[in-house]
Amino acid sequence: AWIDDCCDIGENLWEESHSLAKSYSEYREQELNYDRKRISTRTVTLNLKQKGFKGGFKCEKIEKEWKSKRIIKGLKLKPAFESVDDNNNIIDFKR
């Protein structure tokens, strides 16, 4: 389902928790036709931990300040353009 369709899985991969929650909520709305409000980051994080993924923090320096981000280790969102299954859906901008 969502993990297979939207995520790459690997030991050295990680993604911000809020990005995963946003992606999952959008997937539910578009693919599963759920019109329920957005799923919380906490709920998605807990569900992923139950599936064996690990939570953690990632520190980054942004404009002279260190920021800490909540992450999930072991998976990363696939690039948006990678999901094209049919070559007829690809726009050739070289024309």
PDB file of N, CA and C in Angstrom:
ATOM      1  N   ALA A   1       0.833  -1.180   0.000  1.00  0.00           N
ATOM      2  CA  ALA A   1       0.000   0.000   0.000  1.00  0.00           C
ATOM      3  C   ALA A   1       0.882   1.249   0.000  1.00  0.00           C
ATOM      4  N   TRP A   2       0.655   2.170   0.956  1.00  0.00           N
ATOM      5  CA  TRP A   2       1.355   3.455   0.948  1.00  0.00           C
ATOM      6  C   TRP A   2       2.868   3.283   1.015  1.00  0.00           C
ATOM      7  N   ILE A   3       3.359   2.427   1.900  1.00  0.00           N
ATOM      8  CA  ILE A   3       4.811   2.263   2.023  1.00  0.00           C
ATOM      9  C   ILE A   3       5.395   1.782   0.698  1.00  0.00           C
ATOM     10  N   ASP A   4       4.779   0.779   0.091  1.00  0.00           N
ATOM     11  CA  ASP A   4       5.281   0.254  -1.186  1.00  0.00           C
ATOM     12  C   ASP A   4       5.182   1.282  -2.306  1.00  0.00           C
ATOM     13  N   ASP A   5       4.085   2.014  -2.355  1.00  0.00           N
ATOM     14  CA  ASP A   5       3.856   2.982  -3.431  1.00  0.00           C
ATOM     15  C   ASP A   5       4.675   4.261  -3.286  1.00  0.00           C
ATOM     16  N   CYS A   6       4.897   4.696  -2.058  1.00  0.00           N
ATOM     17  CA  CYS A   6       5.441   6.043  -1.843  1.00  0.00           C
ATOM     18  C   CYS A   6       6.814   6.103  -1.178  1.00  0.00           C
ATOM     19  N   CYS A   7       7.322   4.982  -0.682  1.00  0.00           N
ATOM     20  CA  CYS A   7       8.566   5.016   0.084  1.00  0.00           C
ATOM     21  C   CYS A   7       9.600   4.026  -0.440  1.00  0.00           C
ATOM     22  N   ASP A   8      10.861   4.406  -0.293  1.00  0.00           N
ATOM     23  CA  ASP A   8      11.975   3.484  -0.473  1.00  0.00           C
ATOM     24  C   ASP A   8      12.375   3.028   0.920  1.00  0.00           C
ATOM     25  N   ILE A   9      12.745   1.768   1.047  1.00  0.00           N
ATOM     26  CA  ILE A   9      13.118   1.220   2.346  1.00  0.00           C
ATOM     27  C   ILE A   9      14.591   0.851   2.311  1.00  0.00           C
ATOM     28  N   GLY A  10      15.316   1.230   3.363  1.00  0.00           N
ATOM     29  CA  GLY A  10      16.735   0.909   3.448  1.00  0.00           C
ATOM     30  C   GLY A  10      17.303   1.315   4.787  1.00  0.00           C
ATOM     31  N   GLU A  11      18.323   0.614   5.191  1.00  0.00           N
ATOM     32  CA  GLU A  11      18.923   0.822   6.508  1.00  0.00           C
ATOM     33  C   GLU A  11      19.420   2.252   6.723  1.00  0.00           C
ATOM     34  N   ASN A  12      19.991   2.863   5.700  1.00  0.00           N
ATOM     35  CA  ASN A  12      20.582   4.199   5.845  1.00  0.00           C
ATOM     36  C   ASN A  12      19.641   5.336   5.452  1.00  0.00           C
ATOM     37  N   LEU A  13      18.388   5.026   5.177  1.00  0.00           N
ATOM     38  CA  LEU A  13      17.429   6.055   4.765  1.00  0.00           C
ATOM     39  C   LEU A  13      16.698   6.626   5.972  1.00  0.00           C
ATOM     40  N   TRP A  14      16.223   7.859   5.826  1.00  0.00           N
ATOM     41  CA  TRP A  14      15.411   8.498   6.868  1.00  0.00           C
ATOM     42  C   TRP A  14      14.559   9.577   6.221  1.00  0.00           C
ATOM     43  N   GLU A  15      13.493   9.946   6.921  1.00  0.00           N
ATOM     44  CA  GLU A  15      12.599  11.006   6.435  1.00  0.00           C
ATOM     45  C   GLU A  15      12.017  11.726   7.639  1.00  0.00           C
ATOM     46  N   GLU A  16      11.728  13.014   7.467  1.00  0.00           N
ATOM     47  CA  GLU A  16      11.097  13.775   8.540  1.00  0.00           C
ATOM     48  C   GLU A  16       9.694  13.239   8.801  1.00  0.00           C
ATOM     49  N   SER A  17       9.347  13.136  10.062  1.00  0.00           N
ATOM     50  CA  SER A  17       8.052  12.572  10.461  1.00  0.00           C
ATOM     51  C   SER A  17       6.884  13.337   9.858  1.00  0.00           C
ATOM     52  N   HIS A  18       6.952  14.665   9.886  1.00  0.00           N
ATOM     53  CA  HIS A  18       5.812  15.443   9.373  1.00  0.00           C
ATOM     54  C   HIS A  18       5.647  15.272   7.858  1.00  0.00           C
ATOM     55  N   SER A  19       6.734  15.061   7.128  1.00  0.00           N
ATOM     56  CA  SER A  19       6.635  14.818   5.685  1.00  0.00           C
ATOM     57  C   SER A  19       5.963  13.482   5.403  1.00  0.00           C
ATOM     58  N   LEU A  20       6.272  12.482   6.217  1.00  0.00           N
ATOM     59  CA  LEU A  20       5.635  11.172   6.065  1.00  0.00           C
ATOM     60  C   LEU A  20       4.143  11.262   6.356  1.00  0.00           C
ATOM     61  N   ALA A  21       3.785  12.001   7.408  1.00  0.00           N
ATOM     62  CA  ALA A  21       2.369  12.144   7.770  1.00  0.00           C
ATOM     63  C   ALA A  21       1.599  12.868   6.670  1.00  0.00           C
ATOM     64  N   LYS A  22       2.200  13.897   6.104  1.00  0.00           N
ATOM     65  CA  LYS A  22       1.543  14.640   5.020  1.00  0.00           C
ATOM     66  C   LYS A  22       1.347  13.735   3.807  1.00  0.00           C
ATOM     67  N   SER A  23       2.375  12.983   3.458  1.00  0.00           N
ATOM     68  CA  SER A  23       2.289  12.070   2.321  1.00  0.00           C
ATOM     69  C   SER A  23       1.218  11.009   2.548  1.00  0.00           C
ATOM     70  N   TYR A  24       1.172  10.448   3.741  1.00  0.00           N
ATOM     71  CA  TYR A  24       0.187   9.409   4.041  1.00  0.00           C
ATOM     72  C   TYR A  24      -1.236   9.965   3.966  1.00  0.00           C
ATOM     73  N   SER A  25      -1.440  11.157   4.503  1.00  0.00           N
ATOM     74  CA  SER A  25      -2.767  11.778   4.454  1.00  0.00           C
ATOM     75  C   SER A  25      -3.206  12.024   3.014  1.00  0.00           C
ATOM     76  N   GLU A  26      -2.293  12.540   2.191  1.00  0.00           N
ATOM     77  CA  GLU A  26      -2.612  12.789   0.782  1.00  0.00           C
ATOM     78  C   GLU A  26      -2.894  11.479   0.052  1.00  0.00           C
ATOM     79  N   TYR A  27      -2.145  10.440   0.369  1.00  0.00           N
ATOM     80  CA  TYR A  27      -2.359   9.129  -0.247  1.00  0.00           C
ATOM     81  C   TYR A  27      -3.747   8.599   0.093  1.00  0.00           C
ATOM     82  N   ARG A  28      -4.130   8.721   1.353  1.00  0.00           N
ATOM     83  CA  ARG A  28      -5.456   8.257   1.780  1.00  0.00           C
ATOM     84  C   ARG A  28      -6.557   8.994   1.025  1.00  0.00           C
ATOM     85  N   GLU A  29      -6.390  10.289   0.848  1.00  0.00           N
ATOM     86  CA  GLU A  29      -7.406  11.081   0.156  1.00  0.00           C
ATOM     87  C   GLU A  29      -7.475  10.724  -1.331  1.00  0.00           C
ATOM     88  N   GLN A  30      -6.318  10.636  -1.993  1.00  0.00           N
ATOM     89  CA  GLN A  30      -6.289  10.441  -3.444  1.00  0.00           C
ATOM     90  C   GLN A  30      -6.498   8.991  -3.858  1.00  0.00           C
ATOM     91  N   GLU A  31      -5.800   8.074  -3.223  1.00  0.00           N
ATOM     92  CA  GLU A  31      -5.827   6.674  -3.656  1.00  0.00           C
ATOM     93  C   GLU A  31      -6.950   5.867  -3.016  1.00  0.00           C
ATOM     94  N   LEU A  32      -7.279   6.175  -1.788  1.00  0.00           N
ATOM     95  CA  LEU A  32      -8.273   5.382  -1.066  1.00  0.00           C
ATOM     96  C   LEU A  32      -9.606   6.101  -0.921  1.00  0.00           C
ATOM     97  N   ASN A  33      -9.677   7.342  -1.431  1.00  0.00           N
ATOM     98  CA  ASN A  33     -10.901   8.152  -1.403  1.00  0.00           C
ATOM     99  C   ASN A  33     -11.457   8.388   0.001  1.00  0.00           C
ATOM    100  N   TYR A  34     -10.561   8.487   0.980  1.00  0.00           N
ATOM    101  CA  TYR A  34     -10.990   8.855   2.329  1.00  0.00           C
ATOM    102  C   TYR A  34     -11.078  10.365   2.395  1.00  0.00           C
ATOM    103  N   ASP A  35     -12.164  10.870   2.955  1.00  0.00           N
ATOM    104  CA  ASP A  35     -12.281  12.323   3.083  1.00  0.00           C
ATOM    105  C   ASP A  35     -12.095  12.766   4.529  1.00  0.00           C
ATOM    106  N   ARG A  36     -11.616  11.873   5.366  1.00  0.00           N
ATOM    107  CA  ARG A  36     -11.355  12.210   6.760  1.00  0.00           C
ATOM    108  C   ARG A  36     -10.227  13.234   6.832  1.00  0.00           C
ATOM    109  N   LYS A  37     -10.244  14.004   7.904  1.00  0.00           N
ATOM    110  CA  LYS A  37      -9.214  15.030   8.041  1.00  0.00           C
ATOM    111  C   LYS A  37      -7.817  14.399   8.084  1.00  0.00           C
ATOM    112  N   ARG A  38      -6.832  15.232   7.957  1.00  0.00           N
ATOM    113  CA  ARG A  38      -5.433  14.818   7.925  1.00  0.00           C
ATOM    114  C   ARG A  38      -5.071  13.971   9.150  1.00  0.00           C
ATOM    115  N   ILE A  39      -4.274  12.934   8.925  1.00  0.00           N
ATOM    116  CA  ILE A  39      -3.807  12.057   9.992  1.00  0.00           C
ATOM    117  C   ILE A  39      -2.648  12.748  10.704  1.00  0.00           C
ATOM    118  N   SER A  40      -2.620  12.682  12.017  1.00  0.00           N
ATOM    119  CA  SER A  40      -1.587  13.383  12.777  1.00  0.00           C
ATOM    120  C   SER A  40      -0.220  12.728  12.596  1.00  0.00           C
ATOM    121  N   THR A  41       0.807  13.544  12.749  1.00  0.00           N
ATOM    122  CA  THR A  41       2.179  13.048  12.676  1.00  0.00           C
ATOM    123  C   THR A  41       2.408  11.993  13.749  1.00  0.00           C
ATOM    124  N   ARG A  42       1.861  12.210  14.919  1.00  0.00           N
ATOM    125  CA  ARG A  42       2.024  11.258  16.024  1.00  0.00           C
ATOM    126  C   ARG A  42       1.442   9.894  15.660  1.00  0.00           C
ATOM    127  N   THR A  43       0.257   9.866  15.069  1.00  0.00           N
ATOM    128  CA  THR A  43      -0.390   8.607  14.688  1.00  0.00           C
ATOM    129  C   THR A  43       0.431   7.864  13.641  1.00  0.00           C
ATOM    130  N   VAL A  44       0.891   8.573  12.623  1.00  0.00           N
ATOM    131  CA  VAL A  44       1.695   7.941  11.575  1.00  0.00           C
ATOM    132  C   VAL A  44       3.003   7.414  12.166  1.00  0.00           C
ATOM    133  N   THR A  45       3.642   8.204  13.020  1.00  0.00           N
ATOM    134  CA  THR A  45       4.891   7.782  13.654  1.00  0.00           C
ATOM    135  C   THR A  45       4.691   6.519  14.484  1.00  0.00           C
ATOM    136  N   LEU A  46       3.647   6.486  15.292  1.00  0.00           N
ATOM    137  CA  LEU A  46       3.374   5.299  16.111  1.00  0.00           C
ATOM    138  C   LEU A  46       3.121   4.069  15.243  1.00  0.00           C
ATOM    139  N   ASN A  47       2.362   4.224  14.175  1.00  0.00           N
ATOM    140  CA  ASN A  47       2.086   3.102  13.276  1.00  0.00           C
ATOM    141  C   ASN A  47       3.357   2.592  12.600  1.00  0.00           C
ATOM    142  N   LEU A  48       4.233   3.499  12.190  1.00  0.00           N
ATOM    143  CA  LEU A  48       5.487   3.078  11.562  1.00  0.00           C
ATOM    144  C   LEU A  48       6.397   2.376  12.567  1.00  0.00           C
ATOM    145  N   LYS A  49       6.418   2.852  13.801  1.00  0.00           N
ATOM    146  CA  LYS A  49       7.216   2.186  14.839  1.00  0.00           C
ATOM    147  C   LYS A  49       6.694   0.777  15.103  1.00  0.00           C
ATOM    148  N   GLN A  50       5.381   0.600  15.062  1.00  0.00           N
ATOM    149  CA  GLN A  50       4.802  -0.732  15.243  1.00  0.00           C
ATOM    150  C   GLN A  50       5.201  -1.669  14.107  1.00  0.00           C
ATOM    151  N   LYS A  51       5.502  -1.108  12.947  1.00  0.00           N
ATOM    152  CA  LYS A  51       5.936  -1.915  11.801  1.00  0.00           C
ATOM    153  C   LYS A  51       7.441  -2.164  11.823  1.00  0.00           C
ATOM    154  N   GLY A  52       8.136  -1.664  12.850  1.00  0.00           N
ATOM    155  CA  GLY A  52       9.559  -1.945  13.007  1.00  0.00           C
ATOM    156  C   GLY A  52      10.505  -0.820  12.644  1.00  0.00           C
ATOM    157  N   PHE A  53       9.985   0.317  12.196  1.00  0.00           N
ATOM    158  CA  PHE A  53      10.847   1.456  11.897  1.00  0.00           C
ATOM    159  C   PHE A  53      11.189   2.172  13.203  1.00  0.00           C
ATOM    160  N   LYS A  54      12.316   2.858  13.225  1.00  0.00           N
ATOM    161  CA  LYS A  54      12.793   3.528  14.435  1.00  0.00           C
ATOM    162  C   LYS A  54      12.621   5.039  14.322  1.00  0.00           C
ATOM    163  N   GLY A  55      12.276   5.658  15.440  1.00  0.00           N
ATOM    164  CA  GLY A  55      12.197   7.108  15.501  1.00  0.00           C
ATOM    165  C   GLY A  55      13.538   7.675  15.916  1.00  0.00           C
ATOM    166  N   GLY A  56      13.724   8.964  15.698  1.00  0.00           N
ATOM    167  CA  GLY A  56      14.967   9.601  16.097  1.00  0.00           C
ATOM    168  C   GLY A  56      14.931  11.084  15.812  1.00  0.00           C
ATOM    169  N   PHE A  57      16.094  11.699  15.924  1.00  0.00           N
ATOM    170  CA  PHE A  57      16.244  13.129  15.668  1.00  0.00           C
ATOM    171  C   PHE A  57      17.408  13.349  14.724  1.00  0.00           C
ATOM    172  N   LYS A  58      17.316  14.383  13.928  1.00  0.00           N
ATOM    173  CA  LYS A  58      18.384  14.775  13.015  1.00  0.00           C
ATOM    174  C   LYS A  58      18.633  16.256  13.250  1.00  0.00           C
ATOM    175  N   CYS A  59      19.868  16.619  13.523  1.00  0.00           N
ATOM    176  CA  CYS A  59      20.212  18.025  13.755  1.00  0.00           C
ATOM    177  C   CYS A  59      20.860  18.602  12.504  1.00  0.00           C
ATOM    178  N   GLU A  60      20.406  19.795  12.135  1.00  0.00           N
ATOM    179  CA  GLU A  60      20.966  20.493  10.982  1.00  0.00           C
ATOM    180  C   GLU A  60      21.195  21.952  11.346  1.00  0.00           C
ATOM    181  N   LYS A  61      22.259  22.513  10.790  1.00  0.00           N
ATOM    182  CA  LYS A  61      22.538  23.927  11.019  1.00  0.00           C
ATOM    183  C   LYS A  61      21.886  24.729   9.907  1.00  0.00           C
ATOM    184  N   ILE A  62      20.956  25.599  10.287  1.00  0.00           N
ATOM    185  CA  ILE A  62      20.247  26.443   9.335  1.00  0.00           C
ATOM    186  C   ILE A  62      20.438  27.895   9.760  1.00  0.00           C
ATOM    187  N   GLU A  63      21.110  28.667   8.901  1.00  0.00           N
ATOM    188  CA  GLU A  63      21.361  30.087   9.174  1.00  0.00           C
ATOM    189  C   GLU A  63      21.912  30.316  10.576  1.00  0.00           C
ATOM    190  N   LYS A  64      23.035  29.711  10.888  1.00  0.00           N
ATOM    191  CA  LYS A  64      23.765  29.880  12.147  1.00  0.00           C
ATOM    192  C   LYS A  64      23.067  29.284  13.365  1.00  0.00           C
ATOM    193  N   GLU A  65      21.954  28.604  13.172  1.00  0.00           N
ATOM    194  CA  GLU A  65      21.245  27.975  14.290  1.00  0.00           C
ATOM    195  C   GLU A  65      21.098  26.489  14.031  1.00  0.00           C
ATOM    196  N   TRP A  66      21.173  25.723  15.102  1.00  0.00           N
ATOM    197  CA  TRP A  66      20.951  24.284  14.993  1.00  0.00           C
ATOM    198  C   TRP A  66      19.478  23.990  15.196  1.00  0.00           C
ATOM    199  N   LYS A  67      18.917  23.234  14.274  1.00  0.00           N
ATOM    200  CA  LYS A  67      17.509  22.828  14.349  1.00  0.00           C
ATOM    201  C   LYS A  67      17.457  21.311  14.461  1.00  0.00           C
ATOM    202  N   SER A  68      16.575  20.833  15.306  1.00  0.00           N
ATOM    203  CA  SER A  68      16.394  19.396  15.481  1.00  0.00           C
ATOM    204  C   SER A  68      15.088  18.982  14.812  1.00  0.00           C
ATOM    205  N   LYS A  69      15.149  17.918  14.010  1.00  0.00           N
ATOM    206  CA  LYS A  69      13.966  17.429  13.306  1.00  0.00           C
ATOM    207  C   LYS A  69      13.655  16.022  13.785  1.00  0.00           C
ATOM    208  N   ARG A  70      12.381  15.733  13.959  1.00  0.00           N
ATOM    209  CA  ARG A  70      11.966  14.366  14.271  1.00  0.00           C
ATOM    210  C   ARG A  70      11.958  13.573  12.968  1.00  0.00           C
ATOM    211  N   ILE A  71      12.569  12.400  13.010  1.00  0.00           N
ATOM    212  CA  ILE A  71      12.667  11.583  11.805  1.00  0.00           C
ATOM    213  C   ILE A  71      12.238  10.144  12.089  1.00  0.00           C
ATOM    214  N   ILE A  72      11.995   9.421  11.012  1.00  0.00           N
ATOM    215  CA  ILE A  72      11.795   7.978  11.059  1.00  0.00           C
ATOM    216  C   ILE A  72      12.935   7.370  10.250  1.00  0.00           C
ATOM    217  N   LYS A  73      13.636   6.425  10.856  1.00  0.00           N
ATOM    218  CA  LYS A  73      14.771   5.777  10.199  1.00  0.00           C
ATOM    219  C   LYS A  73      14.309   4.517   9.479  1.00  0.00           C
ATOM    220  N   GLY A  74      14.897   4.287   8.304  1.00  0.00           N
ATOM    221  CA  GLY A  74      14.629   3.058   7.572  1.00  0.00           C
ATOM    222  C   GLY A  74      13.780   3.226   6.327  1.00  0.00           C
ATOM    223  N   LEU A  75      13.279   4.434   6.100  1.00  0.00           N
ATOM    224  CA  LEU A  75      12.524   4.673   4.869  1.00  0.00           C
ATOM    225  C   LEU A  75      12.623   6.134   4.461  1.00  0.00           C
ATOM    226  N   LYS A  76      12.357   6.391   3.186  1.00  0.00           N
ATOM    227  CA  LYS A  76      12.405   7.744   2.630  1.00  0.00           C
ATOM    228  C   LYS A  76      11.333   7.843   1.557  1.00  0.00           C
ATOM    229  N   LEU A  77      10.702   9.002   1.457  1.00  0.00           N
ATOM    230  CA  LEU A  77       9.704   9.209   0.407  1.00  0.00           C
ATOM    231  C   LEU A  77      10.366   9.146  -0.963  1.00  0.00           C
ATOM    232  N   LYS A  78       9.694   8.485  -1.894  1.00  0.00           N
ATOM    233  CA  LYS A  78      10.190   8.435  -3.263  1.00  0.00           C
ATOM    234  C   LYS A  78      10.024   9.814  -3.893  1.00  0.00           C
ATOM    235  N   PRO A  79      10.899  10.160  -4.845  1.00  0.00           N
ATOM    236  CA  PRO A  79      10.703  11.422  -5.565  1.00  0.00           C
ATOM    237  C   PRO A  79       9.345  11.412  -6.263  1.00  0.00           C
ATOM    238  N   ALA A  80       8.706  12.556  -6.333  1.00  0.00           N
ATOM    239  CA  ALA A  80       7.351  12.651  -6.885  1.00  0.00           C
ATOM    240  C   ALA A  80       7.275  12.189  -8.334  1.00  0.00           C
ATOM    241  N   PHE A  81       8.291  12.455  -9.121  1.00  0.00           N
ATOM    242  CA  PHE A  81       8.233  12.122 -10.542  1.00  0.00           C
ATOM    243  C   PHE A  81       8.565  10.662 -10.826  1.00  0.00           C
ATOM    244  N   GLU A  82       8.981   9.917  -9.823  1.00  0.00           N
ATOM    245  CA  GLU A  82       9.344   8.526 -10.031  1.00  0.00           C
ATOM    246  C   GLU A  82       8.126   7.630 -10.231  1.00  0.00           C
ATOM    247  N   SER A  83       6.953   8.106  -9.894  1.00  0.00           N
ATOM    248  CA  SER A  83       5.768   7.262  -9.910  1.00  0.00           C
ATOM    249  C   SER A  83       5.096   7.141 -11.279  1.00  0.00           C
ATOM    250  N   VAL A  84       5.726   7.623 -12.333  1.00  0.00           N
ATOM    251  CA  VAL A  84       5.136   7.522 -13.665  1.00  0.00           C
ATOM    252  C   VAL A  84       5.281   6.084 -14.159  1.00  0.00           C
ATOM    253  N   ASP A  85       4.148   5.395 -14.328  1.00  0.00           N
ATOM    254  CA  ASP A  85       4.160   3.997 -14.759  1.00  0.00           C
ATOM    255  C   ASP A  85       4.069   3.847 -16.272  1.00  0.00           C
ATOM    256  N   ASP A  86       3.480   4.816 -16.933  1.00  0.00           N
ATOM    257  CA  ASP A  86       3.230   4.730 -18.366  1.00  0.00           C
ATOM    258  C   ASP A  86       4.033   5.817 -19.078  1.00  0.00           C
ATOM    259  N   ASN A  87       4.896   5.426 -20.011  1.00  0.00           N
ATOM    260  CA  ASN A  87       5.718   6.404 -20.730  1.00  0.00           C
ATOM    261  C   ASN A  87       4.889   7.399 -21.530  1.00  0.00           C
ATOM    262  N   ASN A  88       3.643   7.075 -21.858  1.00  0.00           N
ATOM    263  CA  ASN A  88       2.775   8.006 -22.579  1.00  0.00           C
ATOM    264  C   ASN A  88       2.384   9.202 -21.715  1.00  0.00           C
ATOM    265  N   ASN A  89       2.556   9.093 -20.411  1.00  0.00           N
ATOM    266  CA  ASN A  89       2.222  10.190 -19.504  1.00  0.00           C
ATOM    267  C   ASN A  89       3.382  11.163 -19.311  1.00  0.00           C
ATOM    268  N   ILE A  90       4.510  10.882 -19.934  1.00  0.00           N
ATOM    269  CA  ILE A  90       5.686  11.733 -19.774  1.00  0.00           C
ATOM    270  C   ILE A  90       5.648  12.835 -20.825  1.00  0.00           C
ATOM    271  N   ILE A  91       5.841  14.064 -20.400  1.00  0.00           N
ATOM    272  CA  ILE A  91       5.851  15.209 -21.313  1.00  0.00           C
ATOM    273  C   ILE A  91       7.276  15.423 -21.803  1.00  0.00           C
ATOM    274  N   ASP A  92       7.446  15.494 -23.105  1.00  0.00           N
ATOM    275  CA  ASP A  92       8.753  15.725 -23.699  1.00  0.00           C
ATOM    276  C   ASP A  92       8.929  17.227 -23.897  1.00  0.00           C
ATOM    277  N   PHE A  93       9.752  17.852 -23.062  1.00  0.00           N
ATOM    278  CA  PHE A  93       9.956  19.296 -23.130  1.00  0.00           C
ATOM    279  C   PHE A  93      11.000  19.691 -24.177  1.00  0.00           C
ATOM    280  N   LYS A  94      11.614  18.712 -24.828  1.00  0.00           N
ATOM    281  CA  LYS A  94      12.668  19.003 -25.802  1.00  0.00           C
ATOM    282  C   LYS A  94      12.118  19.400 -27.163  1.00  0.00           C
ATOM    283  N   ARG A  95      10.841  19.217 -27.399  1.00  0.00           N
ATOM    284  CA  ARG A  95      10.255  19.512 -28.717  1.00  0.00           C
ATOM    285  C   ARG A  95      10.378  20.950 -29.108  1.00  0.00           C
TER     286      ARG A  95
END
